[in-house]
Amino acid sequence: MNFFHPRGGRKIVSVAQDYFFTRRITVGFALSIPSNFQPMSTPDQEPFWRTKSLEAMTRNEWEALCDGCGRCCLNKLIDDNTDEIHTVAVSCKLLDLQSGRCQNYKHRRKFVPDCIIFTPKTLHEHLPWLPDSCAYRLLHEGYDLPEWHPLVSGDPDSVHKAGFSVQDKQIVSEEEVPEPSDWFDYIIRVG
């Protein structure tokens, strides 16, 4: 079984399997939601995510779609033979595992140069890296936001309370497990 992964084209040979890593997959959307967060619609108006396409959203609306789960910032391995994506319980080094937010969102590419930055124009290329519950993915696929999404609930912690975030999960930082060859013990989702 061969796997692609970020840390540049090196071949790692183990007793049972032969792994090949070619690229890093780190997705960064862990935003900082302000403490005075308010939903972006009122009861008498339809919320923006129901009336606008992803492409028509303003930058603030686009950024507000991130629920702050941090799951997109978990590293991935790609099976070279099947293209299956294996999510591992090893996060990007910038992810704060308690808040589910990037510790340096504005300058993350300086510290993690291969962090994927999504835009409405490139989203379709990167959908496989996003969790099934991701607002960007849900809206792209024609679904509405779930009731626990902060824009729906009005509570920036609702994603954590609902259990859809990295908070209080057994996730480690890539600083603790820096070698991708060690990440196979941390696979938590296939496909």
C-alpha atoms as a PDB file:
ATOM      1  CA  MET A   1       0.000   0.000   0.000  1.00  0.00           C
ATOM      2  CA  ASN A   2       1.467   3.367  -0.988  1.00  0.00           C
ATOM      3  CA  PHE A   3       0.456   6.673   0.564  1.00  0.00           C
ATOM      4  CA  PHE A   4       0.977  10.255  -0.483  1.00  0.00           C
ATOM      5  CA  HIS A   5       1.618  12.823   2.130  1.00  0.00           C
ATOM      6  CA  PRO A   6       3.048  16.190   2.484  1.00  0.00           C
ATOM      7  CA  ARG A   7       6.524  15.999   3.685  1.00  0.00           C
ATOM      8  CA  GLY A   8       8.213  15.897   0.308  1.00  0.00           C
ATOM      9  CA  GLY A   9       9.072  12.918  -1.891  1.00  0.00           C
ATOM     10  CA  ARG A  10      10.768  10.471   0.353  1.00  0.00           C
ATOM     11  CA  LYS A  11      10.154   6.783   0.432  1.00  0.00           C
ATOM     12  CA  ILE A  12       9.696   5.104   3.774  1.00  0.00           C
ATOM     13  CA  VAL A  13      10.076   1.348   3.933  1.00  0.00           C
ATOM     14  CA  SER A  14       8.633  -0.602   6.817  1.00  0.00           C
ATOM     15  CA  VAL A  15       8.591  -4.317   7.493  1.00  0.00           C
ATOM     16  CA  ALA A  16       4.998  -4.817   6.345  1.00  0.00           C
ATOM     17  CA  GLN A  17       4.345  -1.963   3.957  1.00  0.00           C
ATOM     18  CA  ASP A  18       6.010   0.451   1.594  1.00  0.00           C
ATOM     19  CA  TYR A  19       4.874   4.082   1.999  1.00  0.00           C
ATOM     20  CA  PHE A  20       5.595   7.000  -0.280  1.00  0.00           C
ATOM     21  CA  PHE A  21       4.812  10.527   0.812  1.00  0.00           C
ATOM     22  CA  THR A  22       4.729  13.252  -1.786  1.00  0.00           C
ATOM     23  CA  ARG A  23       2.652  16.116  -0.482  1.00  0.00           C
ATOM     24  CA  ARG A  24       1.297  17.624   2.672  1.00  0.00           C
ATOM     25  CA  ILE A  25      -2.412  18.098   3.001  1.00  0.00           C
ATOM     26  CA  THR A  26      -3.211  20.717   5.602  1.00  0.00           C
ATOM     27  CA  VAL A  27      -6.386  22.671   5.293  1.00  0.00           C
ATOM     28  CA  GLY A  28      -6.736  25.844   7.282  1.00  0.00           C
ATOM     29  CA  PHE A  29     -10.029  27.444   8.180  1.00  0.00           C
ATOM     30  CA  ALA A  30      -9.739  27.641  11.948  1.00  0.00           C
ATOM     31  CA  LEU A  31     -10.854  31.230  12.398  1.00  0.00           C
ATOM     32  CA  SER A  32     -11.130  33.460  15.406  1.00  0.00           C
ATOM     33  CA  ILE A  33     -14.805  34.077  16.142  1.00  0.00           C
ATOM     34  CA  PRO A  34     -15.157  37.237  18.235  1.00  0.00           C
ATOM     35  CA  SER A  35     -16.724  37.009  21.693  1.00  0.00           C
ATOM     36  CA  ASN A  36     -19.473  39.435  20.617  1.00  0.00           C
ATOM     37  CA  PHE A  37     -20.452  37.138  17.732  1.00  0.00           C
ATOM     38  CA  GLN A  38     -24.003  37.559  16.390  1.00  0.00           C
ATOM     39  CA  PRO A  39     -25.758  35.644  13.612  1.00  0.00           C
ATOM     40  CA  MET A  40     -25.737  37.537  10.304  1.00  0.00           C
ATOM     41  CA  SER A  41     -29.501  37.524   9.827  1.00  0.00           C
ATOM     42  CA  THR A  42     -32.632  38.465  11.703  1.00  0.00           C
ATOM     43  CA  PRO A  43     -35.739  36.324  12.214  1.00  0.00           C
ATOM     44  CA  ASP A  44     -37.620  38.198   9.489  1.00  0.00           C
ATOM     45  CA  GLN A  45     -34.969  37.818   6.803  1.00  0.00           C
ATOM     46  CA  GLU A  46     -33.559  34.768   5.092  1.00  0.00           C
ATOM     47  CA  PRO A  47     -29.892  34.134   6.082  1.00  0.00           C
ATOM     48  CA  PHE A  48     -27.248  34.936   3.471  1.00  0.00           C
ATOM     49  CA  TRP A  49     -26.181  31.306   2.983  1.00  0.00           C
ATOM     50  CA  ARG A  50     -29.688  30.486   1.766  1.00  0.00           C
ATOM     51  CA  THR A  51     -29.970  33.419  -0.624  1.00  0.00           C
ATOM     52  CA  LYS A  52     -26.466  33.658  -2.088  1.00  0.00           C
ATOM     53  CA  SER A  53     -24.242  31.246  -3.919  1.00  0.00           C
ATOM     54  CA  LEU A  54     -20.804  30.651  -2.432  1.00  0.00           C
ATOM     55  CA  GLU A  55     -19.334  32.693  -5.290  1.00  0.00           C
ATOM     56  CA  ALA A  56     -21.607  35.676  -4.537  1.00  0.00           C
ATOM     57  CA  MET A  57     -20.720  35.893  -0.840  1.00  0.00           C
ATOM     58  CA  THR A  58     -18.636  38.719   0.552  1.00  0.00           C
ATOM     59  CA  ARG A  59     -15.320  37.871   2.174  1.00  0.00           C
ATOM     60  CA  ASN A  60     -16.882  38.320   5.639  1.00  0.00           C
ATOM     61  CA  GLU A  61     -19.789  36.024   4.752  1.00  0.00           C
ATOM     62  CA  TRP A  62     -17.382  33.444   3.321  1.00  0.00           C
ATOM     63  CA  GLU A  63     -15.211  33.508   6.449  1.00  0.00           C
ATOM     64  CA  ALA A  64     -18.286  33.369   8.718  1.00  0.00           C
ATOM     65  CA  LEU A  65     -19.215  29.988   7.220  1.00  0.00           C
ATOM     66  CA  CYS A  66     -16.353  28.369   9.105  1.00  0.00           C
ATOM     67  CA  ASP A  67     -17.824  26.799  12.231  1.00  0.00           C
ATOM     68  CA  GLY A  68     -14.433  26.592  13.970  1.00  0.00           C
ATOM     69  CA  CYS A  69     -14.449  22.807  14.333  1.00  0.00           C
ATOM     70  CA  GLY A  70     -10.745  22.478  13.459  1.00  0.00           C
ATOM     71  CA  ARG A  71     -11.353  19.133  11.717  1.00  0.00           C
ATOM     72  CA  CYS A  72     -10.098  20.495   8.408  1.00  0.00           C
ATOM     73  CA  CYS A  73      -6.751  21.133  10.125  1.00  0.00           C
ATOM     74  CA  LEU A  74      -6.197  17.445  10.791  1.00  0.00           C
ATOM     75  CA  ASN A  75      -3.540  16.020   8.513  1.00  0.00           C
ATOM     76  CA  LYS A  76      -4.447  13.561   5.795  1.00  0.00           C
ATOM     77  CA  LEU A  77      -2.709  10.658   4.089  1.00  0.00           C
ATOM     78  CA  ILE A  78      -3.676   9.631   0.569  1.00  0.00           C
ATOM     79  CA  ASP A  79      -3.470   6.043  -0.579  1.00  0.00           C
ATOM     80  CA  ASP A  80      -1.396   6.114  -3.756  1.00  0.00           C
ATOM     81  CA  ASN A  81      -3.196   3.082  -5.179  1.00  0.00           C
ATOM     82  CA  THR A  82      -6.821   3.988  -4.451  1.00  0.00           C
ATOM     83  CA  ASP A  83      -6.705   7.777  -3.864  1.00  0.00           C
ATOM     84  CA  GLU A  84      -8.554   7.158  -0.586  1.00  0.00           C
ATOM     85  CA  ILE A  85      -8.056   9.899   1.959  1.00  0.00           C
ATOM     86  CA  HIS A  86      -7.093   8.808   5.468  1.00  0.00           C
ATOM     87  CA  THR A  87      -7.665  11.479   8.105  1.00  0.00           C
ATOM     88  CA  VAL A  88      -5.272  11.203  11.034  1.00  0.00           C
ATOM     89  CA  ALA A  89      -5.619  12.440  14.612  1.00  0.00           C
ATOM     90  CA  VAL A  90      -2.516  14.568  14.088  1.00  0.00           C
ATOM     91  CA  SER A  91      -3.252  18.251  13.667  1.00  0.00           C
ATOM     92  CA  CYS A  92      -1.432  21.086  11.990  1.00  0.00           C
ATOM     93  CA  LYS A  93       1.088  22.611  14.361  1.00  0.00           C
ATOM     94  CA  LEU A  94      -0.854  25.903  14.383  1.00  0.00           C
ATOM     95  CA  LEU A  95      -4.174  24.426  15.486  1.00  0.00           C
ATOM     96  CA  ASP A  96      -5.171  25.202  19.058  1.00  0.00           C
ATOM     97  CA  LEU A  97      -6.733  21.901  20.093  1.00  0.00           C
ATOM     98  CA  GLN A  98      -8.892  23.482  22.803  1.00  0.00           C
ATOM     99  CA  SER A  99     -10.438  26.283  20.772  1.00  0.00           C
ATOM    100  CA  GLY A 100     -10.340  24.559  17.364  1.00  0.00           C
ATOM    101  CA  ARG A 101      -8.846  27.717  15.900  1.00  0.00           C
ATOM    102  CA  CYS A 102      -5.631  28.544  14.104  1.00  0.00           C
ATOM    103  CA  GLN A 103      -3.132  30.240  16.385  1.00  0.00           C
ATOM    104  CA  ASN A 104      -1.913  32.468  13.565  1.00  0.00           C
ATOM    105  CA  TYR A 105      -4.652  32.435  10.918  1.00  0.00           C
ATOM    106  CA  LYS A 106      -3.639  35.654   9.192  1.00  0.00           C
ATOM    107  CA  HIS A 107      -0.006  34.562   8.700  1.00  0.00           C
ATOM    108  CA  ARG A 108      -0.455  30.772   8.626  1.00  0.00           C
ATOM    109  CA  ARG A 109       1.131  30.364   5.190  1.00  0.00           C
ATOM    110  CA  LYS A 110       4.356  31.832   6.574  1.00  0.00           C
ATOM    111  CA  PHE A 111       4.571  28.985   9.093  1.00  0.00           C
ATOM    112  CA  VAL A 112       2.777  26.254   7.118  1.00  0.00           C
ATOM    113  CA  PRO A 113       3.541  27.062   3.460  1.00  0.00           C
ATOM    114  CA  ASP A 114       1.483  24.158   2.122  1.00  0.00           C
ATOM    115  CA  CYS A 115      -1.686  25.077   4.021  1.00  0.00           C
ATOM    116  CA  ILE A 116      -4.498  25.024   1.467  1.00  0.00           C
ATOM    117  CA  ILE A 117      -6.438  28.253   1.243  1.00  0.00           C
ATOM    118  CA  PHE A 118      -9.918  27.818  -0.147  1.00  0.00           C
ATOM    119  CA  THR A 119     -11.734  30.409  -2.181  1.00  0.00           C
ATOM    120  CA  PRO A 120     -15.133  30.147  -3.838  1.00  0.00           C
ATOM    121  CA  LYS A 121     -13.319  29.594  -7.140  1.00  0.00           C
ATOM    122  CA  THR A 122     -11.074  26.763  -5.889  1.00  0.00           C
ATOM    123  CA  LEU A 123     -13.405  25.064  -3.414  1.00  0.00           C
ATOM    124  CA  HIS A 124     -14.415  22.299  -5.829  1.00  0.00           C
ATOM    125  CA  GLU A 125     -10.762  21.244  -6.164  1.00  0.00           C
ATOM    126  CA  HIS A 126     -10.337  20.793  -2.426  1.00  0.00           C
ATOM    127  CA  LEU A 127     -13.686  19.379  -1.245  1.00  0.00           C
ATOM    128  CA  PRO A 128     -12.268  15.921  -0.478  1.00  0.00           C
ATOM    129  CA  TRP A 129     -10.071  17.417   2.275  1.00  0.00           C
ATOM    130  CA  LEU A 130     -13.030  18.887   4.122  1.00  0.00           C
ATOM    131  CA  PRO A 131     -15.071  16.990   6.713  1.00  0.00           C
ATOM    132  CA  ASP A 132     -18.606  15.977   5.709  1.00  0.00           C
ATOM    133  CA  SER A 133     -20.042  18.443   8.223  1.00  0.00           C
ATOM    134  CA  CYS A 134     -18.123  21.443   6.831  1.00  0.00           C
ATOM    135  CA  ALA A 135     -20.399  24.362   5.882  1.00  0.00           C
ATOM    136  CA  TYR A 136     -18.473  25.004   2.661  1.00  0.00           C
ATOM    137  CA  ARG A 137     -18.955  21.414   1.598  1.00  0.00           C
ATOM    138  CA  LEU A 138     -22.592  21.221   2.725  1.00  0.00           C
ATOM    139  CA  LEU A 139     -23.598  24.378   0.851  1.00  0.00           C
ATOM    140  CA  HIS A 140     -21.636  23.358  -2.245  1.00  0.00           C
ATOM    141  CA  GLU A 141     -23.526  20.038  -2.237  1.00  0.00           C
ATOM    142  CA  GLY A 142     -26.920  21.756  -1.816  1.00  0.00           C
ATOM    143  CA  TYR A 143     -27.501  21.162   1.911  1.00  0.00           C
ATOM    144  CA  ASP A 144     -28.375  23.693   4.600  1.00  0.00           C
ATOM    145  CA  LEU A 145     -26.283  24.421   7.691  1.00  0.00           C
ATOM    146  CA  PRO A 146     -26.935  22.130  10.676  1.00  0.00           C
ATOM    147  CA  GLU A 147     -28.642  23.467  13.804  1.00  0.00           C
ATOM    148  CA  TRP A 148     -25.366  23.387  15.759  1.00  0.00           C
ATOM    149  CA  HIS A 149     -23.562  25.698  13.310  1.00  0.00           C
ATOM    150  CA  PRO A 150     -22.727  29.015  15.046  1.00  0.00           C
ATOM    151  CA  LEU A 151     -24.511  31.028  12.340  1.00  0.00           C
ATOM    152  CA  VAL A 152     -27.717  29.089  13.022  1.00  0.00           C
ATOM    153  CA  SER A 153     -27.456  28.722  16.800  1.00  0.00           C
ATOM    154  CA  GLY A 154     -26.016  32.163  17.533  1.00  0.00           C
ATOM    155  CA  ASP A 155     -23.527  30.469  19.875  1.00  0.00           C
ATOM    156  CA  PRO A 156     -19.870  30.320  18.746  1.00  0.00           C
ATOM    157  CA  ASP A 157     -19.360  27.286  21.026  1.00  0.00           C
ATOM    158  CA  SER A 158     -22.282  25.263  19.650  1.00  0.00           C
ATOM    159  CA  VAL A 159     -19.991  23.265  17.342  1.00  0.00           C
ATOM    160  CA  HIS A 160     -18.007  22.134  20.412  1.00  0.00           C
ATOM    161  CA  LYS A 161     -21.112  21.452  22.512  1.00  0.00           C
ATOM    162  CA  ALA A 162     -22.516  19.297  19.693  1.00  0.00           C
ATOM    163  CA  GLY A 163     -19.272  17.274  19.549  1.00  0.00           C
ATOM    164  CA  PHE A 164     -18.385  18.184  15.962  1.00  0.00           C
ATOM    165  CA  SER A 165     -15.005  19.747  16.748  1.00  0.00           C
ATOM    166  CA  VAL A 166     -11.508  18.657  17.742  1.00  0.00           C
ATOM    167  CA  GLN A 167     -12.087  19.999  21.250  1.00  0.00           C
ATOM    168  CA  ASP A 168     -11.750  17.321  23.934  1.00  0.00           C
ATOM    169  CA  LYS A 169     -10.833  14.651  21.368  1.00  0.00           C
ATOM    170  CA  GLN A 170      -7.695  12.535  21.406  1.00  0.00           C
ATOM    171  CA  ILE A 171      -5.848  14.640  18.847  1.00  0.00           C
ATOM    172  CA  VAL A 172      -2.117  15.406  18.961  1.00  0.00           C
ATOM    173  CA  SER A 173      -0.159  18.138  17.244  1.00  0.00           C
ATOM    174  CA  GLU A 174       2.274  17.314  14.475  1.00  0.00           C
ATOM    175  CA  GLU A 175       4.883  18.880  16.747  1.00  0.00           C
ATOM    176  CA  GLU A 176       4.410  15.843  19.037  1.00  0.00           C
ATOM    177  CA  VAL A 177       4.427  13.359  16.154  1.00  0.00           C
ATOM    178  CA  PRO A 178       6.536  15.074  13.467  1.00  0.00           C
ATOM    179  CA  GLU A 179       7.225  12.066  11.244  1.00  0.00           C
ATOM    180  CA  PRO A 180       4.409  11.211   8.813  1.00  0.00           C
ATOM    181  CA  SER A 181       5.597   7.606   8.858  1.00  0.00           C
ATOM    182  CA  ASP A 182       4.352   7.482  12.464  1.00  0.00           C
ATOM    183  CA  TRP A 183       0.895   8.788  11.578  1.00  0.00           C
ATOM    184  CA  PHE A 184      -0.512   5.433  10.468  1.00  0.00           C
ATOM    185  CA  ASP A 185      -1.209   4.617  14.105  1.00  0.00           C
ATOM    186  CA  TYR A 186      -3.400   7.735  14.204  1.00  0.00           C
ATOM    187  CA  ILE A 187      -5.752   7.046  11.280  1.00  0.00           C
ATOM    188  CA  ILE A 188      -9.279   7.897  12.418  1.00  0.00           C
ATOM    189  CA  ARG A 189     -11.209   8.019   9.151  1.00  0.00           C
ATOM    190  CA  VAL A 190     -10.859   6.424   5.756  1.00  0.00           C
ATOM    191  CA  GLY A 191     -12.564   7.850   2.697  1.00  0.00           C
END
